[in-house]
C-alpha atoms as a PDB file:
ATOM      1  CA  MET A   1      34.462 -20.218 -13.970  1.00  0.00           C
ATOM      2  CA  ILE A   2      33.077 -20.602 -17.486  1.00  0.00           C
ATOM      3  CA  GLY A   3      33.123 -23.556 -19.869  1.00  0.00           C
ATOM      4  CA  ILE A   4      31.837 -23.974 -23.411  1.00  0.00           C
ATOM      5  CA  ASP A   5      31.399 -26.976 -25.683  1.00  0.00           C
ATOM      6  CA  LEU A   6      30.176 -27.612 -29.208  1.00  0.00           C
ATOM      7  CA  ILE A   7      29.142 -30.912 -30.762  1.00  0.00           C
ATOM      8  CA  LYS A   8      28.021 -31.784 -34.258  1.00  0.00           C
ATOM      9  CA  ILE A   9      24.472 -33.117 -33.891  1.00  0.00           C
ATOM     10  CA  ASP A  10      25.052 -35.833 -36.491  1.00  0.00           C
ATOM     11  CA  ARG A  11      27.806 -37.274 -34.264  1.00  0.00           C
ATOM     12  CA  MET A  12      25.219 -37.844 -31.518  1.00  0.00           C
ATOM     13  CA  LYS A  13      22.746 -39.269 -34.037  1.00  0.00           C
ATOM     14  CA  ARG A  14      25.312 -41.883 -35.121  1.00  0.00           C
ATOM     15  CA  PHE A  15      26.185 -42.613 -31.475  1.00  0.00           C
ATOM     16  CA  ILE A  16      22.529 -43.299 -30.622  1.00  0.00           C
ATOM     17  CA  GLU A  17      21.989 -45.389 -33.761  1.00  0.00           C
ATOM     18  CA  ARG A  18      24.996 -47.495 -32.820  1.00  0.00           C
ATOM     19  CA  PHE A  19      24.546 -47.837 -29.043  1.00  0.00           C
ATOM     20  CA  GLY A  20      20.908 -46.875 -28.308  1.00  0.00           C
ATOM     21  CA  ASP A  21      19.842 -46.428 -24.682  1.00  0.00           C
ATOM     22  CA  GLN A  22      22.957 -48.229 -23.433  1.00  0.00           C
ATOM     23  CA  GLY A  23      25.026 -45.479 -25.014  1.00  0.00           C
ATOM     24  CA  LEU A  24      22.866 -42.778 -23.462  1.00  0.00           C
ATOM     25  CA  LYS A  25      23.315 -44.395 -20.041  1.00  0.00           C
ATOM     26  CA  LYS A  26      27.075 -43.790 -20.323  1.00  0.00           C
ATOM     27  CA  PHE A  27      26.529 -40.043 -19.915  1.00  0.00           C
ATOM     28  CA  LEU A  28      22.903 -39.564 -18.809  1.00  0.00           C
ATOM     29  CA  ASN A  29      20.954 -40.728 -15.781  1.00  0.00           C
ATOM     30  CA  LEU A  30      17.462 -42.226 -16.165  1.00  0.00           C
ATOM     31  CA  GLU A  31      15.687 -38.924 -15.483  1.00  0.00           C
ATOM     32  CA  GLU A  32      17.818 -37.176 -18.112  1.00  0.00           C
ATOM     33  CA  ILE A  33      17.058 -39.917 -20.650  1.00  0.00           C
ATOM     34  CA  LYS A  34      13.334 -39.220 -20.113  1.00  0.00           C
ATOM     35  CA  LEU A  35      13.949 -35.568 -21.073  1.00  0.00           C
ATOM     36  CA  VAL A  36      15.809 -36.471 -24.276  1.00  0.00           C
ATOM     37  CA  LYS A  37      13.291 -36.400 -27.105  1.00  0.00           C
ATOM     38  CA  ASN A  38      15.771 -36.834 -29.962  1.00  0.00           C
ATOM     39  CA  HIS A  39      19.437 -36.785 -30.904  1.00  0.00           C
ATOM     40  CA  ARG A  40      19.428 -32.934 -30.947  1.00  0.00           C
ATOM     41  CA  ASN A  41      18.462 -32.870 -27.249  1.00  0.00           C
ATOM     42  CA  ALA A  42      21.031 -35.555 -26.438  1.00  0.00           C
ATOM     43  CA  ALA A  43      23.737 -33.535 -28.204  1.00  0.00           C
ATOM     44  CA  GLY A  44      22.818 -30.468 -26.148  1.00  0.00           C
ATOM     45  CA  PHE A  45      23.024 -32.456 -22.911  1.00  0.00           C
ATOM     46  CA  TRP A  46      26.410 -33.853 -23.936  1.00  0.00           C
ATOM     47  CA  ALA A  47      27.684 -30.347 -24.704  1.00  0.00           C
ATOM     48  CA  ALA A  48      26.387 -29.052 -21.353  1.00  0.00           C
ATOM     49  CA  LYS A  49      28.161 -31.767 -19.379  1.00  0.00           C
ATOM     50  CA  GLU A  50      31.404 -31.250 -21.301  1.00  0.00           C
ATOM     51  CA  ALA A  51      31.148 -27.462 -20.824  1.00  0.00           C
ATOM     52  CA  CYS A  52      30.634 -27.993 -17.088  1.00  0.00           C
ATOM     53  CA  SER A  53      33.724 -30.184 -16.806  1.00  0.00           C
ATOM     54  CA  LYS A  54      35.719 -27.537 -18.678  1.00  0.00           C
ATOM     55  CA  ALA A  55      34.453 -24.836 -16.311  1.00  0.00           C
ATOM     56  CA  LEU A  56      35.716 -26.977 -13.435  1.00  0.00           C
ATOM     57  CA  GLY A  57      39.081 -27.172 -15.191  1.00  0.00           C
ATOM     58  CA  CYS A  58      39.343 -30.938 -14.908  1.00  0.00           C
ATOM     59  CA  GLY A  59      37.455 -32.374 -17.881  1.00  0.00           C
ATOM     60  CA  ILE A  60      35.441 -35.565 -17.609  1.00  0.00           C
ATOM     61  CA  GLY A  61      37.423 -38.088 -15.587  1.00  0.00           C
ATOM     62  CA  ARG A  62      38.275 -39.100 -12.056  1.00  0.00           C
ATOM     63  CA  GLU A  63      37.481 -35.770 -10.387  1.00  0.00           C
ATOM     64  CA  CYS A  64      34.150 -35.314 -12.170  1.00  0.00           C
ATOM     65  CA  ASN A  65      32.397 -37.886 -14.311  1.00  0.00           C
ATOM     66  CA  PHE A  66      29.281 -37.540 -16.477  1.00  0.00           C
ATOM     67  CA  HIS A  67      27.049 -38.796 -13.651  1.00  0.00           C
ATOM     68  CA  ASP A  68      28.340 -36.118 -11.247  1.00  0.00           C
ATOM     69  CA  ILE A  69      26.584 -33.578 -13.495  1.00  0.00           C
ATOM     70  CA  SER A  70      22.774 -33.661 -13.708  1.00  0.00           C
ATOM     71  CA  LEU A  71      20.500 -31.777 -16.064  1.00  0.00           C
ATOM     72  CA  THR A  72      16.825 -31.025 -15.476  1.00  0.00           C
ATOM     73  CA  LYS A  73      14.352 -28.482 -16.807  1.00  0.00           C
ATOM     74  CA  SER A  74      12.688 -25.562 -15.082  1.00  0.00           C
ATOM     75  CA  SER A  75       8.888 -25.189 -15.116  1.00  0.00           C
ATOM     76  CA  LYS A  76       9.368 -22.978 -18.191  1.00  0.00           C
ATOM     77  CA  GLY A  77      11.552 -25.551 -19.966  1.00  0.00           C
ATOM     78  CA  ALA A  78      14.927 -23.891 -19.385  1.00  0.00           C
ATOM     79  CA  PRO A  79      17.843 -26.229 -18.669  1.00  0.00           C
ATOM     80  CA  LEU A  80      19.153 -26.451 -15.111  1.00  0.00           C
ATOM     81  CA  ILE A  81      22.445 -28.025 -14.076  1.00  0.00           C
ATOM     82  CA  THR A  82      23.295 -29.584 -10.704  1.00  0.00           C
ATOM     83  CA  LEU A  83      26.545 -31.056  -9.439  1.00  0.00           C
ATOM     84  CA  SER A  84      26.958 -33.989  -7.076  1.00  0.00           C
ATOM     85  CA  PRO A  85      27.753 -33.039  -3.465  1.00  0.00           C
ATOM     86  CA  LYS A  86      31.234 -34.528  -3.971  1.00  0.00           C
ATOM     87  CA  VAL A  87      32.001 -32.151  -6.849  1.00  0.00           C
ATOM     88  CA  GLN A  88      30.310 -29.150  -5.224  1.00  0.00           C
ATOM     89  CA  GLN A  89      32.478 -29.591  -2.156  1.00  0.00           C
ATOM     90  CA  ALA A  90      35.717 -30.416  -3.958  1.00  0.00           C
ATOM     91  CA  PHE A  91      35.456 -27.349  -6.209  1.00  0.00           C
ATOM     92  CA  ASN A  92      33.615 -25.083  -3.728  1.00  0.00           C
ATOM     93  CA  ILE A  93      30.682 -24.525  -6.123  1.00  0.00           C
ATOM     94  CA  THR A  94      27.649 -22.700  -4.730  1.00  0.00           C
ATOM     95  CA  ASN A  95      25.841 -21.636  -7.923  1.00  0.00           C
ATOM     96  CA  THR A  96      25.482 -23.036 -11.439  1.00  0.00           C
ATOM     97  CA  SER A  97      24.090 -21.692 -14.723  1.00  0.00           C
ATOM     98  CA  VAL A  98      23.728 -23.379 -18.111  1.00  0.00           C
ATOM     99  CA  SER A  99      22.603 -22.324 -21.554  1.00  0.00           C
ATOM    100  CA  ILE A 100      22.124 -24.775 -24.437  1.00  0.00           C
ATOM    101  CA  THR A 101      21.413 -23.801 -28.023  1.00  0.00           C
ATOM    102  CA  HIS A 102      21.120 -25.568 -31.349  1.00  0.00           C
ATOM    103  CA  ASP A 103      21.980 -23.987 -34.684  1.00  0.00           C
ATOM    104  CA  GLY A 104      22.027 -25.896 -37.914  1.00  0.00           C
ATOM    105  CA  ASP A 105      24.290 -28.895 -37.515  1.00  0.00           C
ATOM    106  CA  TYR A 106      25.565 -28.009 -34.029  1.00  0.00           C
ATOM    107  CA  ALA A 107      24.581 -27.996 -30.367  1.00  0.00           C
ATOM    108  CA  ILE A 108      26.419 -25.548 -28.128  1.00  0.00           C
ATOM    109  CA  ALA A 109      26.407 -25.167 -24.353  1.00  0.00           C
ATOM    110  CA  VAL A 110      27.902 -22.637 -21.961  1.00  0.00           C
ATOM    111  CA  VAL A 111      28.167 -23.267 -18.210  1.00  0.00           C
ATOM    112  CA  ALA A 112      29.042 -20.759 -15.503  1.00  0.00           C
ATOM    113  CA  LEU A 113      30.015 -21.957 -12.023  1.00  0.00           C
ATOM    114  CA  HIS A 114      30.468 -19.843  -8.892  1.00  0.00           C
END
């Protein structure tokens, strides 16, 4: 299953200016917030979580919320994505892959789930 999402980086900048850390806590856990260095990173994380929910075919909601999807970094700085046990079991997911990129005004993420 594959999902993709795109977000305008300025949208995330305005979101953070308006809601600050409280806004980030709506879609990121505390460890993810530590990884976010700026609004570009936050936009990439948002896109990755949205892309993951699209790969699952359910979107963000009752079956999978933002906090069921966790992002970390590998020792080389590559993004890694992990699903909560509840979501892994419900959707029979055994492997995850994520790619996040930024180009100009946009952040884009692609997620593959197996």
